[in-house]
Amino acid sequence: MSETVKPVDQMSFEQAMAELEQVVGQLERGDVPLEQSIKLYERGAALKARCEEKLKEAEEKVELIRAQEGRAVGTTPAEGL
């Protein structure tokens, strides 16, 4: 990981995803000591949660936009109407 570690709760989706990919790569290589692996795993779990949070926020925004357009979310217009 980098020298200056940005708090996960301040990361954008893209930043969290990029760092998560790095963490996963390091863990997959298996060339880090056990204690560092544990710290990486913890960081990875926090990054994953951040990505999920940002995706949920995006989904909620899309649903709000769709609702404002007068379309019920999760439905399709009936044929012939």
Protein backbone atom coordinates (compact mmCIF):
# COMPACT_ATOMS: atom_id res chain seq x y z
CA MET A 1 0.00 0.00 0.00
CA SER A 2 1.05 3.57 -0.46
CA GLU A 3 2.81 5.68 2.18
CA THR A 4 -0.17 8.01 2.67
CA VAL A 5 -3.31 5.98 3.17
CA LYS A 6 -6.52 7.82 2.38
CA PRO A 7 -9.40 7.06 4.75
CA VAL A 8 -11.78 4.63 3.07
CA ASP A 9 -14.83 6.72 3.93
CA GLN A 10 -13.41 9.60 1.88
CA MET A 11 -12.79 7.55 -1.27
CA SER A 12 -14.78 7.65 -4.46
CA PHE A 13 -16.01 4.36 -5.90
CA GLU A 14 -13.21 4.40 -8.46
CA GLN A 15 -10.51 5.05 -5.86
CA ALA A 16 -11.79 2.29 -3.57
CA MET A 17 -12.09 -0.18 -6.44
CA ALA A 18 -8.57 0.57 -7.69
CA GLU A 19 -7.05 0.06 -4.26
CA LEU A 20 -9.15 -3.05 -3.68
CA GLU A 21 -7.72 -4.53 -6.88
CA GLN A 22 -4.20 -3.80 -5.61
CA VAL A 23 -4.96 -5.40 -2.24
CA VAL A 24 -6.41 -8.50 -3.87
CA GLY A 25 -3.35 -8.75 -6.11
CA GLN A 26 -0.99 -8.60 -3.15
CA LEU A 27 -2.97 -11.22 -1.25
CA GLU A 28 -3.16 -13.51 -4.27
CA ARG A 29 0.61 -13.38 -4.77
CA GLY A 30 1.05 -14.55 -1.19
CA ASP A 31 4.40 -12.85 -0.81
CA VAL A 32 3.53 -10.70 2.21
CA PRO A 33 4.07 -11.65 5.84
CA LEU A 34 1.10 -12.93 7.83
CA GLU A 35 0.59 -9.76 9.88
CA GLN A 36 0.62 -7.60 6.77
CA SER A 37 -1.76 -10.03 5.07
CA ILE A 38 -4.21 -9.60 7.94
CA LYS A 39 -3.98 -5.80 7.66
CA LEU A 40 -4.44 -6.01 3.89
CA TYR A 41 -7.46 -8.26 4.33
CA GLU A 42 -9.02 -5.80 6.80
CA ARG A 43 -8.36 -2.91 4.43
CA GLY A 44 -9.81 -4.93 1.56
CA ALA A 45 -12.98 -5.65 3.54
CA ALA A 46 -13.40 -1.93 4.26
CA LEU A 47 -12.79 -1.07 0.59
CA LYS A 48 -15.35 -3.66 -0.52
CA ALA A 49 -17.91 -2.22 1.87
CA ARG A 50 -17.20 1.27 0.51
CA CYS A 51 -17.71 0.10 -3.07
CA GLU A 52 -21.00 -1.53 -2.10
CA GLU A 53 -22.09 1.65 -0.32
CA LYS A 54 -21.29 3.84 -3.34
CA LEU A 55 -23.08 1.44 -5.70
CA LYS A 56 -26.16 1.47 -3.48
CA GLU A 57 -26.11 5.29 -3.48
CA ALA A 58 -25.94 5.27 -7.27
CA GLU A 59 -28.84 2.81 -7.53
CA GLU A 60 -30.94 4.98 -5.21
CA LYS A 61 -30.21 8.05 -7.34
CA VAL A 62 -31.27 6.20 -10.50
CA GLU A 63 -34.48 5.04 -8.81
CA LEU A 64 -35.22 8.61 -7.72
CA ILE A 65 -34.65 9.92 -11.25
CA ARG A 66 -36.90 7.22 -12.69
CA ALA A 67 -39.61 7.98 -10.13
CA GLN A 68 -39.38 11.70 -10.94
CA GLU A 69 -39.91 10.87 -14.60
CA GLY A 70 -43.24 9.32 -13.66
CA ARG A 71 -42.22 5.73 -14.11
CA ALA A 72 -42.62 3.26 -11.32
CA VAL A 73 -39.34 1.58 -10.54
CA GLY A 74 -39.12 -2.07 -11.51
CA THR A 75 -42.08 -2.07 -13.88
CA THR A 76 -42.45 -2.00 -17.62
CA PRO A 77 -45.34 -0.53 -19.59
CA ALA A 78 -48.08 -2.97 -20.57
CA GLU A 79 -48.26 -3.84 -24.26
CA GLY A 80 -51.04 -2.21 -26.25
CA LEU A 81 -51.48 0.79 -23.96
